Amino acid sequence: MTNYVKTFTCPTCETPASGAGHLCHPNSGAIPFTCEFCGKTISDARHVCVSMVDKLEYQCKKCGRLAVYDTMLCEAAPIDQD
């Protein structure tokens, strides 16, 4: 799991998030960034690449967005793996 530097307060859930914010409410000031999965420089805070798809494990209970790490969402819940 990635350790994020908590430097941004999410305006949606008011909890500390990474400098890039949560996928539910990204911090546009953190763009561009380098994707840890595909290595590309990205200008879309809600970027999802092919390398991430098989690793998606969480869904936000508020907005439905999917993420690899629970820390990337405001109200993360594990995706049913049935």
C-alpha atoms as a PDB file:
ATOM      1  CA  MET A   1       0.000   0.000   0.000  1.00  0.00           C
ATOM      2  CA  THR A   2       1.225   3.512  -0.816  1.00  0.00           C
ATOM      3  CA  ASN A   3       1.860   5.945   2.029  1.00  0.00           C
ATOM      4  CA  TYR A   4       0.456   9.358   1.181  1.00  0.00           C
ATOM      5  CA  VAL A   5       1.627  12.664   2.573  1.00  0.00           C
ATOM      6  CA  LYS A   6      -1.495  14.119   4.172  1.00  0.00           C
ATOM      7  CA  THR A   7      -1.359  17.709   3.009  1.00  0.00           C
ATOM      8  CA  PHE A   8      -4.873  18.335   1.677  1.00  0.00           C
ATOM      9  CA  THR A   9      -8.206  18.397   3.494  1.00  0.00           C
ATOM     10  CA  CYS A  10     -10.930  16.883   1.329  1.00  0.00           C
ATOM     11  CA  PRO A  11     -13.857  19.315   1.041  1.00  0.00           C
ATOM     12  CA  THR A  12     -16.258  16.375   0.602  1.00  0.00           C
ATOM     13  CA  CYS A  13     -15.463  14.383   3.745  1.00  0.00           C
ATOM     14  CA  GLU A  14     -13.193  16.891   5.552  1.00  0.00           C
ATOM     15  CA  THR A  15     -10.495  14.294   6.267  1.00  0.00           C
ATOM     16  CA  PRO A  16      -6.800  14.592   5.381  1.00  0.00           C
ATOM     17  CA  ALA A  17      -5.956  13.191   1.957  1.00  0.00           C
ATOM     18  CA  SER A  18      -2.844  12.962  -0.158  1.00  0.00           C
ATOM     19  CA  GLY A  19      -1.663  16.133  -1.819  1.00  0.00           C
ATOM     20  CA  ALA A  20      -3.679  15.019  -4.842  1.00  0.00           C
ATOM     21  CA  GLY A  21      -6.850  14.702  -2.757  1.00  0.00           C
ATOM     22  CA  HIS A  22      -9.352  11.878  -3.095  1.00  0.00           C
ATOM     23  CA  LEU A  23     -10.652  10.621  -6.428  1.00  0.00           C
ATOM     24  CA  CYS A  24     -14.077  11.796  -5.186  1.00  0.00           C
ATOM     25  CA  HIS A  25     -12.738  15.351  -4.940  1.00  0.00           C
ATOM     26  CA  PRO A  26      -9.240  15.715  -6.430  1.00  0.00           C
ATOM     27  CA  ASN A  27      -6.957  18.653  -5.699  1.00  0.00           C
ATOM     28  CA  SER A  28      -6.298  20.240  -9.094  1.00  0.00           C
ATOM     29  CA  GLY A  29      -3.220  21.952  -7.646  1.00  0.00           C
ATOM     30  CA  ALA A  30      -1.458  18.561  -7.603  1.00  0.00           C
ATOM     31  CA  ILE A  31      -1.601  18.186 -11.396  1.00  0.00           C
ATOM     32  CA  PRO A  32       0.341  17.032 -13.343  1.00  0.00           C
ATOM     33  CA  PHE A  33       1.525  13.912 -11.519  1.00  0.00           C
ATOM     34  CA  THR A  34       3.211  10.649 -12.447  1.00  0.00           C
ATOM     35  CA  CYS A  35       0.978   7.558 -12.334  1.00  0.00           C
ATOM     36  CA  GLU A  36       2.562   4.908 -10.108  1.00  0.00           C
ATOM     37  CA  PHE A  37       1.055   2.140 -12.291  1.00  0.00           C
ATOM     38  CA  CYS A  38       1.831   3.194 -15.874  1.00  0.00           C
ATOM     39  CA  GLY A  39       4.571   5.761 -15.235  1.00  0.00           C
ATOM     40  CA  LYS A  40       3.016   8.403 -17.504  1.00  0.00           C
ATOM     41  CA  THR A  41       2.756  12.067 -16.590  1.00  0.00           C
ATOM     42  CA  ILE A  42      -0.974  12.676 -16.157  1.00  0.00           C
ATOM     43  CA  SER A  43      -3.059  15.842 -16.195  1.00  0.00           C
ATOM     44  CA  ASP A  44      -6.355  14.172 -15.170  1.00  0.00           C
ATOM     45  CA  ALA A  45      -6.680  13.707 -11.392  1.00  0.00           C
ATOM     46  CA  ARG A  46      -9.174  10.867 -11.930  1.00  0.00           C
ATOM     47  CA  HIS A  47      -6.854   8.911 -14.236  1.00  0.00           C
ATOM     48  CA  VAL A  48      -7.405   5.140 -14.428  1.00  0.00           C
ATOM     49  CA  CYS A  49      -5.067   3.154 -16.683  1.00  0.00           C
ATOM     50  CA  VAL A  50      -5.152  -0.454 -17.872  1.00  0.00           C
ATOM     51  CA  SER A  51      -2.496  -1.377 -15.291  1.00  0.00           C
ATOM     52  CA  MET A  52      -4.833  -0.240 -12.488  1.00  0.00           C
ATOM     53  CA  VAL A  53      -8.012  -2.036 -13.579  1.00  0.00           C
ATOM     54  CA  ASP A  54      -7.134  -5.484 -12.174  1.00  0.00           C
ATOM     55  CA  LYS A  55      -6.035  -3.875  -8.909  1.00  0.00           C
ATOM     56  CA  LEU A  56      -9.264  -1.947  -8.201  1.00  0.00           C
ATOM     57  CA  GLU A  57     -10.490  -3.071  -4.775  1.00  0.00           C
ATOM     58  CA  TYR A  58     -12.578  -0.223  -3.345  1.00  0.00           C
ATOM     59  CA  GLN A  59     -15.679   1.742  -4.262  1.00  0.00           C
ATOM     60  CA  CYS A  60     -16.760   5.024  -2.698  1.00  0.00           C
ATOM     61  CA  LYS A  61     -20.111   4.734  -0.912  1.00  0.00           C
ATOM     62  CA  LYS A  62     -20.789   8.418  -1.691  1.00  0.00           C
ATOM     63  CA  CYS A  63     -19.987   8.788  -5.396  1.00  0.00           C
ATOM     64  CA  GLY A  64     -19.358   5.239  -6.687  1.00  0.00           C
ATOM     65  CA  ARG A  65     -15.815   5.872  -7.942  1.00  0.00           C
ATOM     66  CA  LEU A  66     -13.422   2.925  -7.916  1.00  0.00           C
ATOM     67  CA  ALA A  67      -9.891   2.943  -6.508  1.00  0.00           C
ATOM     68  CA  VAL A  68      -6.923   0.722  -5.782  1.00  0.00           C
ATOM     69  CA  TYR A  69      -6.387   2.063  -2.242  1.00  0.00           C
ATOM     70  CA  ASP A  70      -9.038   2.890   0.349  1.00  0.00           C
ATOM     71  CA  THR A  71      -7.197   6.140   1.122  1.00  0.00           C
ATOM     72  CA  MET A  72      -8.064   7.418  -2.363  1.00  0.00           C
ATOM     73  CA  LEU A  73     -11.798   7.647  -1.575  1.00  0.00           C
ATOM     74  CA  CYS A  74     -13.952   9.555   0.912  1.00  0.00           C
ATOM     75  CA  GLU A  75     -16.010   6.555   2.068  1.00  0.00           C
ATOM     76  CA  ALA A  76     -14.255   3.467   0.782  1.00  0.00           C
ATOM     77  CA  ALA A  77     -15.934   0.062   0.863  1.00  0.00           C
ATOM     78  CA  PRO A  78     -14.443  -3.177  -0.488  1.00  0.00           C
ATOM     79  CA  ILE A  79     -15.815  -4.233  -3.860  1.00  0.00           C
ATOM     80  CA  ASP A  80     -17.699  -7.534  -3.646  1.00  0.00           C
ATOM     81  CA  GLN A  81     -15.435 -10.181  -5.118  1.00  0.00           C
ATOM     82  CA  ASP A  82     -18.210 -12.784  -5.494  1.00  0.00           C
END
